[in-house]
């Protein structure tokens, strides 16, 4: 198939004469950075074959959609913000119908997410080689920390795989994995789109996202430790066992106790590190069993809560019964 080559944006010139002023200079820099680190080229190699095209390759359209989202866009119509600019700024940007057809073609490809993360990984490797690596990445004594957490995305209309959420909303409940760079920023390593009624403590979903994150990590020095960090939703036996078998340590936050005297007082969260082949720190106990879906308590915490509730009920009954003469 023969197609016409797409033309990129023109060369920018910095002047102080006040003509040709562009208000979205930061967005332009983001687009140019994607070109320089090879992300645009990697996206084209990954998805250009998903549909026939003439003027707007799907890889370039995906890159423009990412820039549009970074600029504050919320739907495909917002790509017109980039399209209406001069072609010397963002180049020839696809229209909203073309962007929608590209998304529809990508949705029909079951392996597109793997190819997209591969493209992102190649661009990340090139960017880190140019000096954008996290501080201490080449130091084997500094662990690599992966944060896994679920979040809610509201849908204002009925869409594929949307459902009600546990907070009474409607939309999606995706599961995300991010690399903690240690400088206040994070880099995406894995994602799983799920309906709004999906549970946050689903061990299979957490394992799938962890697999993506470990596969998308750039090359590390030998002996560098990987720590997977999350809240009580990640504290399941199946997930912790899989993480340890994969050579990663697990750090979770669990609610360990409840004060029965005050229902309004929330229980403190205690970070517990579960590391393969190591003992628990002095004064702490390993988390055993799955957390309660509603309260997030461990099995030991639930036993303490039930015992305290039983003692309180016994005292209440004793106070109501008349004393023997």
C-alpha atoms as a PDB file:
ATOM      1  CA  UNK A   1       0.000   0.000   0.000  1.00  0.00           C
ATOM      2  CA  UNK A   2       1.397   3.371  -1.032  1.00  0.00           C
ATOM      3  CA  UNK A   3       0.503   6.387   1.060  1.00  0.00           C
ATOM      4  CA  UNK A   4       1.541   9.999   1.195  1.00  0.00           C
ATOM      5  CA  UNK A   5       4.074  10.954   3.847  1.00  0.00           C
ATOM      6  CA  UNK A   6       2.861  13.188   6.626  1.00  0.00           C
ATOM      7  CA  UNK A   7       4.517  16.532   7.153  1.00  0.00           C
ATOM      8  CA  UNK A   8       5.516  17.547  10.639  1.00  0.00           C
ATOM      9  CA  UNK A   9       5.449  21.021  12.157  1.00  0.00           C
ATOM     10  CA  UNK A  10       7.805  23.673  10.908  1.00  0.00           C
ATOM     11  CA  UNK A  11      10.833  25.118  12.665  1.00  0.00           C
ATOM     12  CA  UNK A  12      10.153  27.598  15.465  1.00  0.00           C
ATOM     13  CA  UNK A  13      12.143  30.796  15.800  1.00  0.00           C
ATOM     14  CA  UNK A  14      12.400  32.688  19.093  1.00  0.00           C
ATOM     15  CA  UNK A  15      12.034  36.440  18.566  1.00  0.00           C
ATOM     16  CA  UNK A  16      11.176  39.479  20.676  1.00  0.00           C
ATOM     17  CA  UNK A  17       9.330  41.552  18.081  1.00  0.00           C
ATOM     18  CA  UNK A  18       5.857  40.456  19.257  1.00  0.00           C
ATOM     19  CA  UNK A  19       4.621  39.036  15.949  1.00  0.00           C
ATOM     20  CA  UNK A  20       3.369  35.509  15.523  1.00  0.00           C
ATOM     21  CA  UNK A  21       2.874  35.039  19.269  1.00  0.00           C
ATOM     22  CA  UNK A  22       1.680  31.557  20.272  1.00  0.00           C
ATOM     23  CA  UNK A  23      -0.090  31.080  23.584  1.00  0.00           C
ATOM     24  CA  UNK A  24       0.521  27.323  23.870  1.00  0.00           C
ATOM     25  CA  UNK A  25       4.293  27.287  23.843  1.00  0.00           C
ATOM     26  CA  UNK A  26       4.442  24.654  26.586  1.00  0.00           C
ATOM     27  CA  UNK A  27       2.206  22.364  24.585  1.00  0.00           C
ATOM     28  CA  UNK A  28       4.415  22.894  21.533  1.00  0.00           C
ATOM     29  CA  UNK A  29       7.485  21.900  23.557  1.00  0.00           C
ATOM     30  CA  UNK A  30       5.724  18.724  24.684  1.00  0.00           C
ATOM     31  CA  UNK A  31       4.965  17.771  21.093  1.00  0.00           C
ATOM     32  CA  UNK A  32       8.515  18.515  19.954  1.00  0.00           C
ATOM     33  CA  UNK A  33       9.972  16.511  22.864  1.00  0.00           C
ATOM     34  CA  UNK A  34       7.917  13.491  21.817  1.00  0.00           C
ATOM     35  CA  UNK A  35       9.426  13.801  18.348  1.00  0.00           C
ATOM     36  CA  UNK A  36      12.995  14.188  19.606  1.00  0.00           C
ATOM     37  CA  UNK A  37      12.964  11.200  21.991  1.00  0.00           C
ATOM     38  CA  UNK A  38      11.490   8.951  19.320  1.00  0.00           C
ATOM     39  CA  UNK A  39       8.019   8.529  20.812  1.00  0.00           C
ATOM     40  CA  UNK A  40       6.204   9.675  17.686  1.00  0.00           C
ATOM     41  CA  UNK A  41       8.217   7.338  15.493  1.00  0.00           C
ATOM     42  CA  UNK A  42       7.695   4.428  17.899  1.00  0.00           C
ATOM     43  CA  UNK A  43       3.941   5.069  17.931  1.00  0.00           C
ATOM     44  CA  UNK A  44       3.866   5.042  14.152  1.00  0.00           C
ATOM     45  CA  UNK A  45       5.655   1.718  14.051  1.00  0.00           C
ATOM     46  CA  UNK A  46       3.234   0.321  16.621  1.00  0.00           C
ATOM     47  CA  UNK A  47      -0.166   1.379  15.243  1.00  0.00           C
ATOM     48  CA  UNK A  48       0.159   2.716  11.696  1.00  0.00           C
ATOM     49  CA  UNK A  49      -1.057  -0.610  10.357  1.00  0.00           C
ATOM     50  CA  UNK A  50      -4.332  -0.603  12.297  1.00  0.00           C
ATOM     51  CA  UNK A  51      -6.238   1.157   9.486  1.00  0.00           C
ATOM     52  CA  UNK A  52      -5.833   2.616   6.021  1.00  0.00           C
ATOM     53  CA  UNK A  53      -4.812   6.242   5.972  1.00  0.00           C
ATOM     54  CA  UNK A  54      -3.728   8.898   3.512  1.00  0.00           C
ATOM     55  CA  UNK A  55      -2.788  12.174   5.254  1.00  0.00           C
ATOM     56  CA  UNK A  56      -2.872  11.402   8.984  1.00  0.00           C
ATOM     57  CA  UNK A  57      -0.986   8.282  10.170  1.00  0.00           C
ATOM     58  CA  UNK A  58      -2.586   6.681  13.239  1.00  0.00           C
ATOM     59  CA  UNK A  59       0.668   6.938  15.206  1.00  0.00           C
ATOM     60  CA  UNK A  60       0.748  10.703  14.711  1.00  0.00           C
ATOM     61  CA  UNK A  61      -2.941  10.932  15.630  1.00  0.00           C
ATOM     62  CA  UNK A  62      -2.313   9.046  18.892  1.00  0.00           C
ATOM     63  CA  UNK A  63       0.521  11.445  19.695  1.00  0.00           C
ATOM     64  CA  UNK A  64      -1.686  14.467  19.002  1.00  0.00           C
ATOM     65  CA  UNK A  65      -4.412  13.015  21.216  1.00  0.00           C
ATOM     66  CA  UNK A  66      -1.893  12.603  24.045  1.00  0.00           C
ATOM     67  CA  UNK A  67      -0.767  16.209  23.630  1.00  0.00           C
ATOM     68  CA  UNK A  68      -4.407  17.306  23.629  1.00  0.00           C
ATOM     69  CA  UNK A  69      -5.034  15.475  26.924  1.00  0.00           C
ATOM     70  CA  UNK A  70      -1.913  17.011  28.482  1.00  0.00           C
ATOM     71  CA  UNK A  71      -3.209  20.428  27.404  1.00  0.00           C
ATOM     72  CA  UNK A  72      -6.429  19.876  29.352  1.00  0.00           C
ATOM     73  CA  UNK A  73      -8.635  18.245  26.737  1.00  0.00           C
ATOM     74  CA  UNK A  74     -11.411  15.914  27.868  1.00  0.00           C
ATOM     75  CA  UNK A  75     -12.900  14.528  24.647  1.00  0.00           C
ATOM     76  CA  UNK A  76     -11.946  13.998  21.012  1.00  0.00           C
ATOM     77  CA  UNK A  77     -13.611  17.285  20.034  1.00  0.00           C
ATOM     78  CA  UNK A  78     -10.860  19.141  21.923  1.00  0.00           C
ATOM     79  CA  UNK A  79      -8.315  18.096  19.292  1.00  0.00           C
ATOM     80  CA  UNK A  80      -9.689  21.016  17.276  1.00  0.00           C
ATOM     81  CA  UNK A  81      -7.762  23.261  19.685  1.00  0.00           C
ATOM     82  CA  UNK A  82      -4.541  21.980  18.127  1.00  0.00           C
ATOM     83  CA  UNK A  83      -5.969  21.716  14.616  1.00  0.00           C
ATOM     84  CA  UNK A  84      -6.982  25.383  14.477  1.00  0.00           C
ATOM     85  CA  UNK A  85      -3.458  26.549  15.201  1.00  0.00           C
ATOM     86  CA  UNK A  86      -1.075  27.446  12.409  1.00  0.00           C
ATOM     87  CA  UNK A  87       0.462  24.409  10.728  1.00  0.00           C
ATOM     88  CA  UNK A  88       3.906  25.728  11.659  1.00  0.00           C
ATOM     89  CA  UNK A  89       3.068  25.105  15.327  1.00  0.00           C
ATOM     90  CA  UNK A  90       1.568  21.596  15.512  1.00  0.00           C
ATOM     91  CA  UNK A  91       1.738  20.538  11.890  1.00  0.00           C
ATOM     92  CA  UNK A  92      -1.248  19.016  10.127  1.00  0.00           C
ATOM     93  CA  UNK A  93      -3.447  17.771  12.982  1.00  0.00           C
ATOM     94  CA  UNK A  94      -6.227  15.298  12.242  1.00  0.00           C
ATOM     95  CA  UNK A  95      -9.857  16.325  12.529  1.00  0.00           C
ATOM     96  CA  UNK A  96     -12.224  14.985  15.161  1.00  0.00           C
ATOM     97  CA  UNK A  97     -13.812  12.370  12.833  1.00  0.00           C
ATOM     98  CA  UNK A  98     -10.369  11.096  11.823  1.00  0.00           C
ATOM     99  CA  UNK A  99      -9.287  10.893  15.454  1.00  0.00           C
ATOM    100  CA  UNK A 100     -12.470   8.998  16.312  1.00  0.00           C
ATOM    101  CA  UNK A 101     -11.934   6.498  13.476  1.00  0.00           C
ATOM    102  CA  UNK A 102      -8.385   5.939  14.731  1.00  0.00           C
ATOM    103  CA  UNK A 103      -9.597   5.252  18.272  1.00  0.00           C
ATOM    104  CA  UNK A 104     -12.229   2.860  16.923  1.00  0.00           C
ATOM    105  CA  UNK A 105      -9.575   0.959  14.950  1.00  0.00           C
ATOM    106  CA  UNK A 106      -7.299   0.732  17.988  1.00  0.00           C
ATOM    107  CA  UNK A 107     -10.144  -0.536  20.161  1.00  0.00           C
ATOM    108  CA  UNK A 108     -10.663  -3.432  17.755  1.00  0.00           C
ATOM    109  CA  UNK A 109      -7.040  -4.571  18.239  1.00  0.00           C
ATOM    110  CA  UNK A 110      -6.652  -6.767  21.318  1.00  0.00           C
ATOM    111  CA  UNK A 111      -2.866  -6.364  21.477  1.00  0.00           C
ATOM    112  CA  UNK A 112      -2.678  -2.635  20.861  1.00  0.00           C
ATOM    113  CA  UNK A 113      -2.059  -1.794  24.530  1.00  0.00           C
ATOM    114  CA  UNK A 114       1.036  -4.008  24.556  1.00  0.00           C
ATOM    115  CA  UNK A 115       2.440  -2.327  21.453  1.00  0.00           C
ATOM    116  CA  UNK A 116       1.688   1.120  22.832  1.00  0.00           C
ATOM    117  CA  UNK A 117       3.525   0.395  26.085  1.00  0.00           C
ATOM    118  CA  UNK A 118       6.420  -1.060  24.072  1.00  0.00           C
ATOM    119  CA  UNK A 119       6.600   2.176  22.109  1.00  0.00           C
ATOM    120  CA  UNK A 120       6.513   4.172  25.325  1.00  0.00           C
ATOM    121  CA  UNK A 121       9.257   1.980  26.770  1.00  0.00           C
ATOM    122  CA  UNK A 122      11.563   2.550  23.801  1.00  0.00           C
ATOM    123  CA  UNK A 123      11.042   6.301  24.037  1.00  0.00           C
ATOM    124  CA  UNK A 124      11.632   6.189  27.802  1.00  0.00           C
ATOM    125  CA  UNK A 125      14.920   4.346  27.325  1.00  0.00           C
ATOM    126  CA  UNK A 126      16.100   6.958  24.842  1.00  0.00           C
ATOM    127  CA  UNK A 127      15.010   9.834  27.068  1.00  0.00           C
ATOM    128  CA  UNK A 128      16.714   8.343  30.125  1.00  0.00           C
ATOM    129  CA  UNK A 129      19.893   7.789  28.131  1.00  0.00           C
ATOM    130  CA  UNK A 130      19.824  11.512  27.326  1.00  0.00           C
ATOM    131  CA  UNK A 131      19.768  12.411  31.041  1.00  0.00           C
ATOM    132  CA  UNK A 132      16.108  12.100  32.103  1.00  0.00           C
ATOM    133  CA  UNK A 133      16.588   8.994  34.264  1.00  0.00           C
ATOM    134  CA  UNK A 134      15.316   9.127  37.869  1.00  0.00           C
ATOM    135  CA  UNK A 135      17.875  10.105  40.520  1.00  0.00           C
ATOM    136  CA  UNK A 136      19.860   7.090  41.669  1.00  0.00           C
ATOM    137  CA  UNK A 137      18.580   4.749  38.966  1.00  0.00           C
ATOM    138  CA  UNK A 138      22.076   3.453  38.236  1.00  0.00           C
ATOM    139  CA  UNK A 139      22.737   2.925  41.954  1.00  0.00           C
ATOM    140  CA  UNK A 140      21.883  -0.638  42.971  1.00  0.00           C
ATOM    141  CA  UNK A 141      21.443   0.406  46.609  1.00  0.00           C
ATOM    142  CA  UNK A 142      18.494   2.678  45.707  1.00  0.00           C
ATOM    143  CA  UNK A 143      15.346   0.541  45.250  1.00  0.00           C
ATOM    144  CA  UNK A 144      12.895   1.033  42.397  1.00  0.00           C
ATOM    145  CA  UNK A 145       9.410   1.660  43.789  1.00  0.00           C
ATOM    146  CA  UNK A 146       6.253   0.835  41.823  1.00  0.00           C
ATOM    147  CA  UNK A 147       2.961   2.272  43.097  1.00  0.00           C
ATOM    148  CA  UNK A 148      -0.224   0.384  42.214  1.00  0.00           C
ATOM    149  CA  UNK A 149      -3.599   1.925  42.913  1.00  0.00           C
ATOM    150  CA  UNK A 150      -7.118   2.098  41.502  1.00  0.00           C
ATOM    151  CA  UNK A 151      -8.913   5.322  40.651  1.00  0.00           C
ATOM    152  CA  UNK A 152     -12.407   6.349  39.584  1.00  0.00           C
ATOM    153  CA  UNK A 153     -13.140   7.953  36.217  1.00  0.00           C
ATOM    154  CA  UNK A 154     -16.607   9.443  35.844  1.00  0.00           C
ATOM    155  CA  UNK A 155     -18.581   8.833  32.655  1.00  0.00           C
ATOM    156  CA  UNK A 156     -21.360  11.331  31.950  1.00  0.00           C
ATOM    157  CA  UNK A 157     -23.103   8.996  29.518  1.00  0.00           C
ATOM    158  CA  UNK A 158     -23.428   5.269  28.948  1.00  0.00           C
ATOM    159  CA  UNK A 159     -20.279   3.812  27.421  1.00  0.00           C
ATOM    160  CA  UNK A 160     -18.836   0.381  26.870  1.00  0.00           C
ATOM    161  CA  UNK A 161     -17.863  -1.334  30.163  1.00  0.00           C
ATOM    162  CA  UNK A 162     -19.185   1.447  32.385  1.00  0.00           C
ATOM    163  CA  UNK A 163     -20.964   0.607  35.629  1.00  0.00           C
ATOM    164  CA  UNK A 164     -21.889   2.062  38.991  1.00  0.00           C
ATOM    165  CA  UNK A 165     -19.057   2.723  41.432  1.00  0.00           C
ATOM    166  CA  UNK A 166     -18.844   2.065  45.161  1.00  0.00           C
ATOM    167  CA  UNK A 167     -19.078   5.816  45.787  1.00  0.00           C
ATOM    168  CA  UNK A 168     -22.440   6.095  44.059  1.00  0.00           C
ATOM    169  CA  UNK A 169     -21.048   7.427  40.789  1.00  0.00           C
ATOM    170  CA  UNK A 170     -20.939   5.943  37.308  1.00  0.00           C
ATOM    171  CA  UNK A 171     -18.002   5.231  35.051  1.00  0.00           C
ATOM    172  CA  UNK A 172     -14.762   3.259  35.136  1.00  0.00           C
ATOM    173  CA  UNK A 173     -12.481   1.923  37.869  1.00  0.00           C
ATOM    174  CA  UNK A 174      -9.075   1.519  36.181  1.00  0.00           C
ATOM    175  CA  UNK A 175      -6.014   0.099  37.896  1.00  0.00           C
ATOM    176  CA  UNK A 176      -2.712   1.930  37.337  1.00  0.00           C
ATOM    177  CA  UNK A 177       0.967   1.310  38.034  1.00  0.00           C
ATOM    178  CA  UNK A 178       3.472   4.162  38.307  1.00  0.00           C
ATOM    179  CA  UNK A 179       7.206   4.310  38.871  1.00  0.00           C
ATOM    180  CA  UNK A 180       8.099   6.610  41.762  1.00  0.00           C
ATOM    181  CA  UNK A 181      10.996   8.654  40.384  1.00  0.00           C
ATOM    182  CA  UNK A 182      11.891  10.004  43.811  1.00  0.00           C
ATOM    183  CA  UNK A 183      11.704  13.609  42.601  1.00  0.00           C
ATOM    184  CA  UNK A 184       7.988  14.173  43.115  1.00  0.00           C
ATOM    185  CA  UNK A 185       6.974  12.768  39.739  1.00  0.00           C
ATOM    186  CA  UNK A 186       5.891   9.388  38.413  1.00  0.00           C
ATOM    187  CA  UNK A 187       6.030   7.528  35.117  1.00  0.00           C
ATOM    188  CA  UNK A 188       3.255   5.179  33.916  1.00  0.00           C
ATOM    189  CA  UNK A 189       4.257   1.527  33.689  1.00  0.00           C
ATOM    190  CA  UNK A 190       0.927  -0.291  33.427  1.00  0.00           C
ATOM    191  CA  UNK A 191      -2.820   0.269  33.179  1.00  0.00           C
ATOM    192  CA  UNK A 192      -5.960  -1.852  33.119  1.00  0.00           C
ATOM    193  CA  UNK A 193      -9.316  -0.369  32.137  1.00  0.00           C
ATOM    194  CA  UNK A 194     -12.090  -1.900  34.247  1.00  0.00           C
ATOM    195  CA  UNK A 195     -15.810  -1.246  34.789  1.00  0.00           C
ATOM    196  CA  UNK A 196     -16.878   0.936  37.671  1.00  0.00           C
ATOM    197  CA  UNK A 197     -18.053  -1.983  39.800  1.00  0.00           C
ATOM    198  CA  UNK A 198     -14.684  -3.810  39.667  1.00  0.00           C
ATOM    199  CA  UNK A 199     -13.145  -4.423  43.058  1.00  0.00           C
ATOM    200  CA  UNK A 200      -9.919  -2.685  44.013  1.00  0.00           C
ATOM    201  CA  UNK A 201      -8.620  -5.807  45.787  1.00  0.00           C
ATOM    202  CA  UNK A 202      -8.986  -8.149  42.812  1.00  0.00           C
ATOM    203  CA  UNK A 203      -5.779 -10.191  42.967  1.00  0.00           C
ATOM    204  CA  UNK A 204      -5.889 -11.131  39.275  1.00  0.00           C
ATOM    205  CA  UNK A 205      -6.161  -7.510  38.128  1.00  0.00           C
ATOM    206  CA  UNK A 206      -3.346  -6.405  40.446  1.00  0.00           C
ATOM    207  CA  UNK A 207      -1.153  -9.215  39.122  1.00  0.00           C
ATOM    208  CA  UNK A 208      -1.863  -8.229  35.508  1.00  0.00           C
ATOM    209  CA  UNK A 209      -0.866  -4.620  36.170  1.00  0.00           C
ATOM    210  CA  UNK A 210       2.259  -5.709  38.051  1.00  0.00           C
ATOM    211  CA  UNK A 211       3.266  -7.884  35.102  1.00  0.00           C
ATOM    212  CA  UNK A 212       2.951  -4.869  32.802  1.00  0.00           C
ATOM    213  CA  UNK A 213       4.979  -2.700  35.178  1.00  0.00           C
ATOM    214  CA  UNK A 214       7.820  -5.202  35.522  1.00  0.00           C
ATOM    215  CA  UNK A 215       7.936  -5.759  31.761  1.00  0.00           C
ATOM    216  CA  UNK A 216       8.062  -2.014  31.048  1.00  0.00           C
ATOM    217  CA  UNK A 217      10.841  -1.210  33.513  1.00  0.00           C
ATOM    218  CA  UNK A 218      14.044  -0.166  31.727  1.00  0.00           C
ATOM    219  CA  UNK A 219      17.227  -2.120  32.311  1.00  0.00           C
ATOM    220  CA  UNK A 220      18.389  -1.953  35.930  1.00  0.00           C
ATOM    221  CA  UNK A 221      21.758  -2.620  37.566  1.00  0.00           C
ATOM    222  CA  UNK A 222      22.259  -6.131  38.891  1.00  0.00           C
ATOM    223  CA  UNK A 223      21.049  -6.487  42.466  1.00  0.00           C
ATOM    224  CA  UNK A 224      18.706  -3.484  42.398  1.00  0.00           C
ATOM    225  CA  UNK A 225      15.620  -4.173  44.499  1.00  0.00           C
ATOM    226  CA  UNK A 226      12.074  -3.594  43.249  1.00  0.00           C
ATOM    227  CA  UNK A 227       9.416  -2.613  45.799  1.00  0.00           C
ATOM    228  CA  UNK A 228       5.706  -2.770  44.979  1.00  0.00           C
ATOM    229  CA  UNK A 229       3.754  -0.320  47.115  1.00  0.00           C
ATOM    230  CA  UNK A 230       0.016   0.003  47.654  1.00  0.00           C
ATOM    231  CA  UNK A 231      -2.843   0.238  50.131  1.00  0.00           C
ATOM    232  CA  UNK A 232      -4.890  -2.490  51.796  1.00  0.00           C
ATOM    233  CA  UNK A 233      -6.591  -3.417  48.513  1.00  0.00           C
ATOM    234  CA  UNK A 234      -3.295  -4.936  47.388  1.00  0.00           C
ATOM    235  CA  UNK A 235      -2.834  -7.028  50.557  1.00  0.00           C
ATOM    236  CA  UNK A 236      -4.087 -10.365  49.257  1.00  0.00           C
ATOM    237  CA  UNK A 237      -2.299 -13.694  49.591  1.00  0.00           C
ATOM    238  CA  UNK A 238      -2.310 -14.390  45.859  1.00  0.00           C
ATOM    239  CA  UNK A 239      -0.838 -11.019  44.909  1.00  0.00           C
ATOM    240  CA  UNK A 240       1.835 -11.000  47.619  1.00  0.00           C
ATOM    241  CA  UNK A 241       2.862 -14.560  46.710  1.00  0.00           C
ATOM    242  CA  UNK A 242       3.131 -13.660  43.022  1.00  0.00           C
ATOM    243  CA  UNK A 243       5.142 -10.505  43.751  1.00  0.00           C
ATOM    244  CA  UNK A 244       7.609 -12.405  45.921  1.00  0.00           C
ATOM    245  CA  UNK A 245       7.984 -15.101  43.254  1.00  0.00           C
ATOM    246  CA  UNK A 246       8.720 -12.332  40.742  1.00  0.00           C
ATOM    247  CA  UNK A 247      11.552 -11.104  42.976  1.00  0.00           C
ATOM    248  CA  UNK A 248       9.806  -7.956  44.228  1.00  0.00           C
ATOM    249  CA  UNK A 249       9.227  -6.835  47.795  1.00  0.00           C
ATOM    250  CA  UNK A 250       5.725  -5.783  48.810  1.00  0.00           C
ATOM    251  CA  UNK A 251       4.909  -2.777  50.998  1.00  0.00           C
ATOM    252  CA  UNK A 252       1.268  -2.325  51.977  1.00  0.00           C
ATOM    253  CA  UNK A 253      -0.596  -0.090  54.433  1.00  0.00           C
ATOM    254  CA  UNK A 254      -3.119  -1.861  56.662  1.00  0.00           C
ATOM    255  CA  UNK A 255      -5.458  -0.708  59.366  1.00  0.00           C
ATOM    256  CA  UNK A 256      -4.274  -2.737  62.325  1.00  0.00           C
ATOM    257  CA  UNK A 257      -6.569  -1.673  65.183  1.00  0.00           C
ATOM    258  CA  UNK A 258      -9.847   0.066  65.985  1.00  0.00           C
ATOM    259  CA  UNK A 259     -10.725   2.023  69.087  1.00  0.00           C
ATOM    260  CA  UNK A 260     -14.177   0.673  70.082  1.00  0.00           C
ATOM    261  CA  UNK A 261     -14.785   3.560  72.479  1.00  0.00           C
ATOM    262  CA  UNK A 262     -15.225   6.011  69.623  1.00  0.00           C
ATOM    263  CA  UNK A 263     -16.927   5.106  66.371  1.00  0.00           C
ATOM    264  CA  UNK A 264     -15.901   8.409  64.822  1.00  0.00           C
ATOM    265  CA  UNK A 265     -12.182   7.836  65.369  1.00  0.00           C
ATOM    266  CA  UNK A 266     -10.527   6.162  62.417  1.00  0.00           C
ATOM    267  CA  UNK A 267      -7.956   3.445  62.908  1.00  0.00           C
ATOM    268  CA  UNK A 268      -4.309   4.312  62.221  1.00  0.00           C
ATOM    269  CA  UNK A 269      -2.649   2.917  59.133  1.00  0.00           C
ATOM    270  CA  UNK A 270       0.565   1.007  59.751  1.00  0.00           C
ATOM    271  CA  UNK A 271       2.916   0.284  56.841  1.00  0.00           C
ATOM    272  CA  UNK A 272       3.930  -3.377  56.794  1.00  0.00           C
ATOM    273  CA  UNK A 273       6.679  -4.577  54.496  1.00  0.00           C
ATOM    274  CA  UNK A 274       6.448  -8.155  53.261  1.00  0.00           C
ATOM    275  CA  UNK A 275       9.765  -9.258  51.786  1.00  0.00           C
ATOM    276  CA  UNK A 276      10.617 -12.699  50.507  1.00  0.00           C
ATOM    277  CA  UNK A 277      12.809 -14.656  52.898  1.00  0.00           C
ATOM    278  CA  UNK A 278      12.840 -12.017  55.644  1.00  0.00           C
ATOM    279  CA  UNK A 279      11.297 -11.857  59.077  1.00  0.00           C
ATOM    280  CA  UNK A 280       8.914  -9.224  60.279  1.00  0.00           C
ATOM    281  CA  UNK A 281      10.496  -6.224  62.057  1.00  0.00           C
ATOM    282  CA  UNK A 282      10.502  -6.346  65.872  1.00  0.00           C
ATOM    283  CA  UNK A 283       7.209  -5.373  67.429  1.00  0.00           C
ATOM    284  CA  UNK A 284       5.223  -5.978  64.225  1.00  0.00           C
ATOM    285  CA  UNK A 285       3.255  -8.880  62.864  1.00  0.00           C
ATOM    286  CA  UNK A 286       2.876 -10.155  59.366  1.00  0.00           C
ATOM    287  CA  UNK A 287      -0.464  -9.538  57.738  1.00  0.00           C
ATOM    288  CA  UNK A 288      -2.366 -12.824  57.500  1.00  0.00           C
ATOM    289  CA  UNK A 289      -5.537 -13.230  55.493  1.00  0.00           C
ATOM    290  CA  UNK A 290      -7.344 -10.927  53.160  1.00  0.00           C
ATOM    291  CA  UNK A 291      -8.484  -7.477  54.241  1.00  0.00           C
ATOM    292  CA  UNK A 292     -12.153  -6.883  54.901  1.00  0.00           C
ATOM    293  CA  UNK A 293     -13.766  -5.432  51.781  1.00  0.00           C
ATOM    294  CA  UNK A 294     -15.624  -2.730  53.700  1.00  0.00           C
ATOM    295  CA  UNK A 295     -13.332  -1.774  56.554  1.00  0.00           C
ATOM    296  CA  UNK A 296      -9.940  -2.755  55.180  1.00  0.00           C
ATOM    297  CA  UNK A 297      -9.071  -4.544  58.464  1.00  0.00           C
ATOM    298  CA  UNK A 298      -6.780  -7.516  58.512  1.00  0.00           C
ATOM    299  CA  UNK A 299      -7.962 -10.810  60.013  1.00  0.00           C
ATOM    300  CA  UNK A 300      -6.313  -9.969  63.357  1.00  0.00           C
ATOM    301  CA  UNK A 301      -7.930  -6.542  63.351  1.00  0.00           C
ATOM    302  CA  UNK A 302     -11.368  -8.024  62.695  1.00  0.00           C
ATOM    303  CA  UNK A 303     -10.932 -10.468  65.584  1.00  0.00           C
ATOM    304  CA  UNK A 304     -10.018  -7.618  67.925  1.00  0.00           C
ATOM    305  CA  UNK A 305     -13.013  -5.596  66.758  1.00  0.00           C
ATOM    306  CA  UNK A 306     -15.398  -8.520  67.279  1.00  0.00           C
ATOM    307  CA  UNK A 307     -13.938  -9.219  70.733  1.00  0.00           C
ATOM    308  CA  UNK A 308     -14.327  -5.575  71.744  1.00  0.00           C
ATOM    309  CA  UNK A 309     -17.901  -5.522  70.415  1.00  0.00           C
ATOM    310  CA  UNK A 310     -18.719  -8.681  72.412  1.00  0.00           C
ATOM    311  CA  UNK A 311     -17.311  -7.231  75.638  1.00  0.00           C
ATOM    312  CA  UNK A 312     -19.306  -4.039  75.100  1.00  0.00           C
ATOM    313  CA  UNK A 313     -22.509  -6.027  74.499  1.00  0.00           C
ATOM    314  CA  UNK A 314     -21.882  -8.097  77.674  1.00  0.00           C
ATOM    315  CA  UNK A 315     -21.430  -4.953  79.749  1.00  0.00           C
ATOM    316  CA  UNK A 316     -24.649  -3.511  78.308  1.00  0.00           C
ATOM    317  CA  UNK A 317     -26.649  -6.637  79.189  1.00  0.00           C
ATOM    318  CA  UNK A 318     -25.174  -6.741  82.706  1.00  0.00           C
ATOM    319  CA  UNK A 319     -26.113  -3.121  83.357  1.00  0.00           C
ATOM    320  CA  UNK A 320     -29.726  -3.752  82.345  1.00  0.00           C
ATOM    321  CA  UNK A 321     -30.218  -6.917  84.450  1.00  0.00           C
ATOM    322  CA  UNK A 322     -31.296  -6.345  88.095  1.00  0.00           C
ATOM    323  CA  UNK A 323     -28.863  -7.509  90.768  1.00  0.00           C
ATOM    324  CA  UNK A 324     -29.670 -10.592  92.855  1.00  0.00           C
ATOM    325  CA  UNK A 325     -31.113  -9.773  96.317  1.00  0.00           C
END
